[in-house]
Amino acid sequence: MELKTERYISEELISLLEKTSLGTNGAVYKHLDIKKQALLADNPLSLLLFRNHKLIGNVTFCERPFGFYLRYFTFESLFQSSGNSLKKSKVNSPIKNEIHQFFETCLNKNGLLYAYIDPKNKRSLNMAETFGLEIKSLLTTQAYSRFFPKRSKRFRLIEDWMQIKEAVEATYGGQFGYTDTHICQGPYGALYNEEEEIIAFAKFNKATWEIERFPGKYGKLIPKILPYIPLLKKIIDPKMFSFLVPDIIWIDRNNPDLLTELFNAALNDYACNSIIWWTDENQLVYQAAKTRVRWGLLHHLLGNNPLALVQKSKHQEIKEKELIFVNGFDLI
């Protein structure tokens, strides 16, 4: 076995990530556009595990001004646990010690490690516990879908970050985990009023997954049935589920009708039918929309699933009731 560190995303690492299925007890899926997303990772620092000169595992952090974000933790299936417990073989102990030291080195450099995990994913929970990351907050996953999303004449794509920077920083700048990495790069979808003022905007990332299993008792069966139901397949095609992930949502006076118009217009413009929005449930824009927006069929299929923020810190503990800024790009 050989371990080494790299400051870039290699083709070998991308190949490993492309073969990786994520999840254990809930949904299981693969990222189909992982190469595009991985190459956009900001300030990557990877610990790579080789056997016979072949890459079989990695840990990749994104280094940010306030801490290290754990973007990838991937090992070939031979070295993965079943999800019920971590393997404790003596053979793997030195490797785990090296990974632990890598975590500690990053922590000592910047004082904070954090990641997002599905709390139903026992393997991820075990990993977090093994390396000292604890659940600090539970976020929510909100789905939105339309079979035929309506176009809006008030919708435009804009590129200039400076047009929205002040509003974004006033809304999100003081929240835990805020960074303008990725969000400062357009385009952004925006609605304008008759006076040519922006009244709503968001950054939309497009992602495509292959869903191998859904959560729940019939999770393995659903991907086999959906392709034969034409209308449902339009919303969620298990073999190629394309959807939008919104960031930095800003709505004038948090008007739910404007949020609906913005989401519909973005789906129409990007030729998608579904949105997955990861957010702190206490964000004002979400609170205003939660019970007043018709979220659509995908919401009824998936429900509101929790997302856990796990963290290990020397000095930046999340305060009680502190809002969490979720960069949607980090989850695709």
Protein backbone atom coordinates (compact mmCIF):
# COMPACT_ATOMS: atom_id res chain seq x y z
CA MET A 1 0.00 0.00 0.00
CA GLU A 2 1.16 3.54 -0.74
CA LEU A 3 -0.25 6.87 0.40
CA LYS A 4 0.44 10.26 -1.13
CA THR A 5 -1.10 13.74 -1.20
CA GLU A 6 -1.99 15.89 -4.20
CA ARG A 7 -3.19 19.46 -4.67
CA TYR A 8 -5.21 18.80 -7.82
CA ILE A 9 -7.93 16.47 -9.11
CA SER A 10 -6.27 13.81 -11.25
CA GLU A 11 -7.79 11.68 -14.01
CA GLU A 12 -7.18 8.62 -11.83
CA LEU A 13 -9.23 10.14 -9.03
CA ILE A 14 -12.05 11.08 -11.40
CA SER A 15 -12.11 7.49 -12.69
CA LEU A 16 -12.45 6.19 -9.12
CA LEU A 17 -15.23 8.66 -8.33
CA GLU A 18 -17.13 7.72 -11.50
CA LYS A 19 -17.32 4.10 -10.32
CA THR A 20 -18.50 4.97 -6.83
CA SER A 21 -22.08 4.48 -5.66
CA LEU A 22 -23.04 6.71 -2.74
CA GLY A 23 -25.36 5.79 0.13
CA THR A 24 -26.16 2.60 2.03
CA ASN A 25 -29.42 2.37 3.97
CA GLY A 26 -31.40 5.08 2.18
CA ALA A 27 -31.00 6.16 -1.43
CA VAL A 28 -28.09 4.78 -3.45
CA TYR A 29 -26.93 6.77 -6.48
CA LYS A 30 -24.04 7.69 -8.79
CA HIS A 31 -23.04 11.12 -10.05
CA LEU A 32 -23.05 10.94 -13.86
CA ASP A 33 -21.35 14.32 -14.33
CA ILE A 34 -18.70 13.83 -11.65
CA LYS A 35 -15.80 14.88 -13.91
CA LYS A 36 -17.27 18.30 -14.56
CA GLN A 37 -18.06 18.87 -10.88
CA ALA A 38 -14.79 17.47 -9.54
CA LEU A 39 -12.65 19.69 -11.76
CA LEU A 40 -14.44 22.72 -10.26
CA ALA A 41 -13.49 21.73 -6.70
CA ASP A 42 -11.88 24.72 -4.99
CA ASN A 43 -8.37 24.39 -3.50
CA PRO A 44 -8.47 20.57 -3.32
CA LEU A 45 -6.16 18.64 -1.02
CA SER A 46 -6.31 14.87 -1.48
CA LEU A 47 -4.90 11.91 0.38
CA LEU A 48 -4.66 9.04 -2.12
CA LEU A 49 -4.32 5.32 -1.38
CA PHE A 50 -2.65 3.11 -3.99
CA ARG A 51 -2.28 -0.66 -4.19
CA ASN A 52 0.00 -2.07 -6.89
CA HIS A 53 0.12 1.42 -8.39
CA LYS A 54 -3.67 1.50 -8.73
CA LEU A 55 -5.74 4.16 -6.94
CA ILE A 56 -8.22 2.44 -4.63
CA GLY A 57 -9.24 5.18 -2.20
CA ASN A 58 -9.11 8.87 -1.42
CA VAL A 59 -10.01 11.63 0.99
CA THR A 60 -10.39 15.07 -0.61
CA PHE A 61 -10.86 18.31 1.27
CA CYS A 62 -11.57 21.75 -0.20
CA GLU A 63 -9.52 24.30 1.72
CA ARG A 64 -11.46 27.48 2.46
CA PRO A 65 -10.58 30.60 4.48
CA PHE A 66 -12.52 29.39 7.53
CA GLY A 67 -11.90 25.63 7.33
CA PHE A 68 -11.69 22.40 5.31
CA TYR A 69 -14.80 21.00 3.59
CA LEU A 70 -14.76 17.20 3.15
CA ARG A 71 -15.84 16.83 -0.46
CA TYR A 72 -14.96 13.19 -1.22
CA PHE A 73 -14.33 10.13 0.96
CA THR A 74 -14.16 7.23 -1.46
CA PHE A 75 -12.79 3.69 -1.35
CA GLU A 76 -13.25 0.72 -3.65
CA SER A 77 -15.96 -1.68 -2.48
CA LEU A 78 -13.38 -4.18 -1.27
CA PHE A 79 -12.36 -1.72 1.46
CA GLN A 80 -15.83 -0.41 2.33
CA SER A 81 -17.89 -1.61 5.25
CA SER A 82 -21.39 -3.01 4.85
CA GLY A 83 -22.76 0.11 6.50
CA ASN A 84 -23.43 -1.54 9.84
CA SER A 85 -19.92 -1.15 11.21
CA LEU A 86 -16.45 -0.17 10.17
CA LYS A 87 -14.03 -2.95 9.33
CA LYS A 88 -11.51 -3.30 12.12
CA SER A 89 -8.99 -5.64 10.54
CA LYS A 90 -5.38 -5.25 11.56
CA VAL A 91 -4.48 -4.94 7.89
CA ASN A 92 -6.43 -1.71 7.57
CA SER A 93 -5.45 -0.20 10.94
CA PRO A 94 -2.28 1.53 9.66
CA ILE A 95 -4.28 3.04 6.80
CA LYS A 96 -6.91 4.34 9.19
CA ASN A 97 -4.17 5.81 11.36
CA GLU A 98 -2.73 7.63 8.35
CA ILE A 99 -6.17 8.97 7.41
CA HIS A 100 -6.72 10.09 10.99
CA GLN A 101 -3.38 11.91 10.92
CA PHE A 102 -4.37 13.59 7.65
CA PHE A 103 -7.58 14.83 9.28
CA GLU A 104 -5.62 16.12 12.28
CA THR A 105 -3.08 17.91 10.06
CA CYS A 106 -5.90 19.73 8.25
CA LEU A 107 -7.59 20.55 11.56
CA ASN A 108 -4.38 21.97 13.03
CA LYS A 109 -3.83 24.10 9.95
CA ASN A 110 -7.26 25.71 9.77
CA GLY A 111 -9.15 24.81 12.95
CA LEU A 112 -12.30 23.41 11.33
CA LEU A 113 -13.36 20.31 9.40
CA TYR A 114 -16.94 19.90 8.17
CA ALA A 115 -19.05 17.76 5.86
CA TYR A 116 -22.66 17.01 4.92
CA ILE A 117 -23.95 13.46 5.30
CA ASP A 118 -27.22 11.59 5.07
CA PRO A 119 -28.00 10.68 8.70
CA LYS A 120 -29.54 7.40 7.44
CA ASN A 121 -26.22 6.42 5.90
CA LYS A 122 -24.62 4.33 8.65
CA ARG A 123 -21.33 4.05 6.82
CA SER A 124 -21.01 7.83 6.64
CA LEU A 125 -22.01 8.19 10.29
CA ASN A 126 -19.39 5.61 11.26
CA MET A 127 -16.77 7.44 9.21
CA ALA A 128 -17.64 10.75 10.85
CA GLU A 129 -17.49 9.24 14.34
CA THR A 130 -14.20 7.45 13.65
CA PHE A 131 -12.47 10.69 12.70
CA GLY A 132 -14.08 12.85 15.36
CA LEU A 133 -16.76 14.71 13.38
CA GLU A 134 -20.04 15.19 15.24
CA ILE A 135 -23.52 16.16 14.07
CA LYS A 136 -24.00 19.86 14.84
CA SER A 137 -27.14 20.68 12.87
CA LEU A 138 -29.86 19.03 10.78
CA LEU A 139 -30.79 20.72 7.52
CA THR A 140 -33.59 19.81 5.11
CA THR A 141 -33.97 18.60 1.54
CA GLN A 142 -36.84 20.25 -0.33
CA ALA A 143 -37.94 18.89 -3.72
CA TYR A 144 -39.87 20.93 -6.30
CA SER A 145 -41.21 19.67 -9.62
CA ARG A 146 -43.46 20.54 -12.54
CA PHE A 147 -44.46 18.41 -15.53
CA PHE A 148 -44.71 21.51 -17.73
CA PRO A 149 -42.88 24.43 -16.03
CA LYS A 150 -44.16 27.81 -17.15
CA ARG A 151 -41.95 30.29 -18.94
CA SER A 152 -41.81 33.82 -17.49
CA LYS A 153 -41.26 36.92 -19.60
CA ARG A 154 -39.68 38.50 -16.54
CA PHE A 155 -36.92 35.86 -16.32
CA ARG A 156 -33.37 36.48 -17.56
CA LEU A 157 -29.95 34.92 -17.11
CA ILE A 158 -27.35 37.39 -15.88
CA GLU A 159 -23.59 36.96 -15.47
CA ASP A 160 -22.50 39.91 -13.31
CA TRP A 161 -21.87 38.95 -9.67
CA MET A 162 -21.72 42.63 -8.72
CA GLN A 163 -25.41 43.03 -9.59
CA ILE A 164 -26.41 40.73 -6.75
CA LYS A 165 -23.40 40.68 -4.41
CA GLU A 166 -24.78 43.25 -1.95
CA ALA A 167 -28.11 41.44 -1.56
CA VAL A 168 -26.38 38.03 -1.17
CA GLU A 169 -23.97 39.27 1.49
CA ALA A 170 -26.73 41.08 3.38
CA THR A 171 -28.82 37.88 3.42
CA TYR A 172 -26.21 35.14 3.83
CA GLY A 173 -22.88 36.81 4.64
CA GLY A 174 -23.12 36.43 8.42
CA GLN A 175 -24.18 32.78 8.42
CA PHE A 176 -22.01 29.83 9.40
CA GLY A 177 -20.11 28.41 6.44
CA TYR A 178 -20.70 31.34 4.09
CA THR A 179 -18.24 31.49 1.21
CA ASP A 180 -18.62 33.16 -2.18
CA THR A 181 -16.65 30.32 -3.79
CA HIS A 182 -18.69 29.07 -6.78
CA ILE A 183 -21.59 31.46 -6.15
CA CYS A 184 -19.57 34.43 -7.43
CA GLN A 185 -19.46 32.79 -10.86
CA GLY A 186 -22.58 33.23 -12.99
CA PRO A 187 -24.94 32.73 -14.58
CA TYR A 188 -27.82 33.58 -12.26
CA GLY A 189 -31.51 33.32 -12.97
CA ALA A 190 -33.36 36.55 -12.15
CA LEU A 191 -36.83 38.08 -12.33
CA TYR A 192 -37.25 41.77 -13.18
CA ASN A 193 -40.18 44.08 -12.57
CA GLU A 194 -41.50 46.75 -14.94
CA GLU A 195 -39.00 49.25 -13.54
CA GLU A 196 -36.15 46.92 -14.51
CA GLU A 197 -35.36 46.13 -10.88
CA ILE A 198 -34.35 42.62 -9.81
CA ILE A 199 -37.10 41.18 -7.63
CA ALA A 200 -35.85 37.59 -7.32
CA PHE A 201 -32.74 35.62 -8.17
CA ALA A 202 -30.79 32.42 -7.52
CA LYS A 203 -27.82 30.56 -8.90
CA PHE A 204 -28.85 27.24 -10.43
CA ASN A 205 -26.47 24.28 -10.75
CA LYS A 206 -27.51 21.38 -12.97
CA ALA A 207 -26.71 17.83 -11.88
CA THR A 208 -27.41 14.35 -13.25
CA TRP A 209 -27.53 11.20 -11.13
CA GLU A 210 -28.27 7.53 -11.72
CA ILE A 211 -30.49 6.35 -8.87
CA GLU A 212 -29.92 2.71 -8.04
CA ARG A 213 -32.16 2.61 -5.00
CA PHE A 214 -34.73 4.89 -3.37
CA PRO A 215 -35.27 5.19 0.38
CA GLY A 216 -37.89 2.96 2.01
CA LYS A 217 -39.20 -0.58 1.94
CA TYR A 218 -39.68 -0.69 -1.84
CA GLY A 219 -36.52 1.28 -2.64
CA LYS A 220 -35.01 -1.40 -4.89
CA LEU A 221 -38.25 -1.91 -6.80
CA ILE A 222 -39.05 1.72 -7.63
CA PRO A 223 -36.17 2.27 -10.13
CA LYS A 224 -37.41 -0.77 -12.07
CA ILE A 225 -41.00 0.52 -12.25
CA LEU A 226 -40.56 4.24 -12.93
CA PRO A 227 -39.19 3.93 -16.50
CA TYR A 228 -42.50 2.33 -17.53
CA ILE A 229 -44.62 5.21 -16.21
CA PRO A 230 -44.13 7.96 -18.86
CA LEU A 231 -45.44 10.91 -16.84
CA LEU A 232 -43.47 10.02 -13.72
CA LYS A 233 -40.33 9.42 -15.77
CA LYS A 234 -40.55 13.05 -16.88
CA ILE A 235 -40.10 14.11 -13.25
CA ILE A 236 -37.54 11.51 -12.16
CA ASP A 237 -35.81 9.12 -14.55
CA PRO A 238 -33.73 6.72 -12.40
CA LYS A 239 -31.22 6.07 -15.18
CA MET A 240 -30.60 9.77 -15.82
CA PHE A 241 -32.16 12.04 -13.21
CA SER A 242 -31.31 15.62 -14.21
CA PHE A 243 -32.29 18.34 -11.77
CA LEU A 244 -31.43 21.88 -10.67
CA VAL A 245 -29.82 22.77 -7.35
CA PRO A 246 -30.43 26.39 -6.29
CA ASP A 247 -28.00 28.53 -4.30
CA ILE A 248 -28.28 32.01 -2.78
CA ILE A 249 -32.03 32.27 -3.27
CA TRP A 250 -33.15 35.88 -2.79
CA ILE A 251 -36.81 36.85 -3.13
CA ASP A 252 -38.18 40.36 -2.63
CA ARG A 253 -40.04 40.35 0.72
CA ASN A 254 -39.74 36.53 0.62
CA ASN A 255 -42.88 36.41 -1.53
CA PRO A 256 -43.74 32.70 -2.17
CA ASP A 257 -45.42 33.56 -5.49
CA LEU A 258 -42.14 35.03 -6.75
CA LEU A 259 -40.28 31.92 -5.62
CA THR A 260 -42.70 29.75 -7.61
CA GLU A 261 -42.33 31.97 -10.68
CA LEU A 262 -38.53 31.89 -10.40
CA PHE A 263 -38.39 28.10 -10.01
CA ASN A 264 -40.79 27.49 -12.90
CA ALA A 265 -38.92 29.87 -15.18
CA ALA A 266 -35.56 28.31 -14.32
CA LEU A 267 -36.88 24.79 -15.00
CA ASN A 268 -38.24 25.96 -18.33
CA ASP A 269 -35.00 27.70 -19.31
CA TYR A 270 -32.74 24.79 -18.29
CA ALA A 271 -35.10 22.18 -19.80
CA CYS A 272 -35.54 20.39 -16.46
CA ASN A 273 -38.56 19.27 -14.46
CA SER A 274 -37.14 18.92 -10.95
CA ILE A 275 -35.33 20.96 -8.31
CA ILE A 276 -33.55 19.70 -5.18
CA TRP A 277 -33.01 22.49 -2.64
CA TRP A 278 -30.78 21.84 0.38
CA THR A 279 -31.31 24.52 3.00
CA ASP A 280 -31.40 25.45 6.64
CA GLU A 281 -35.07 25.10 7.51
CA ASN A 282 -34.91 28.39 9.43
CA GLN A 283 -33.91 30.50 6.43
CA LEU A 284 -36.55 33.23 6.14
CA VAL A 285 -37.18 32.57 2.45
CA TYR A 286 -37.86 28.90 3.18
CA GLN A 287 -40.05 29.63 6.19
CA ALA A 288 -42.19 31.97 4.05
CA ALA A 289 -42.55 29.35 1.31
CA LYS A 290 -42.80 26.14 3.31
CA THR A 291 -46.58 25.90 3.59
CA ARG A 292 -47.57 28.27 0.77
CA VAL A 293 -45.79 26.77 -2.25
CA ARG A 294 -47.17 23.77 -4.12
CA TRP A 295 -44.00 21.74 -4.25
CA GLY A 296 -45.22 19.16 -6.76
CA LEU A 297 -45.14 15.39 -7.21
CA LEU A 298 -41.43 14.88 -6.48
CA HIS A 299 -41.95 16.34 -3.01
CA HIS A 300 -44.71 13.82 -2.36
CA LEU A 301 -42.48 10.98 -3.59
CA LEU A 302 -39.37 11.94 -1.62
CA GLY A 303 -40.63 13.95 1.35
CA ASN A 304 -38.38 16.26 3.38
CA ASN A 305 -35.27 14.23 4.17
CA PRO A 306 -32.78 15.52 6.74
CA LEU A 307 -29.19 16.40 5.91
CA ALA A 308 -26.67 16.39 8.75
CA LEU A 309 -23.89 18.95 9.08
CA VAL A 310 -20.98 17.24 10.86
CA GLN A 311 -18.05 19.15 12.22
CA LYS A 312 -14.80 18.94 14.15
CA SER A 313 -13.49 22.26 15.39
CA LYS A 314 -10.93 23.84 17.63
CA HIS A 315 -12.59 27.22 17.96
CA GLN A 316 -15.60 27.64 15.62
CA GLU A 317 -18.48 25.81 17.29
CA ILE A 318 -21.86 26.52 15.72
CA LYS A 319 -23.90 28.71 18.03
CA GLU A 320 -27.42 27.80 19.08
CA LYS A 321 -29.96 28.95 16.46
CA GLU A 322 -27.15 30.11 14.14
CA LEU A 323 -28.22 29.91 10.50
CA ILE A 324 -26.25 27.56 8.24
CA PHE A 325 -25.28 28.62 4.72
CA VAL A 326 -25.50 25.63 2.38
CA ASN A 327 -23.57 25.83 -0.85
CA GLY A 328 -25.59 23.50 -3.08
CA PHE A 329 -22.57 22.86 -5.33
CA ASP A 330 -20.92 21.06 -2.40
CA LEU A 331 -23.61 18.37 -2.59
CA ILE A 332 -23.43 17.50 -6.28
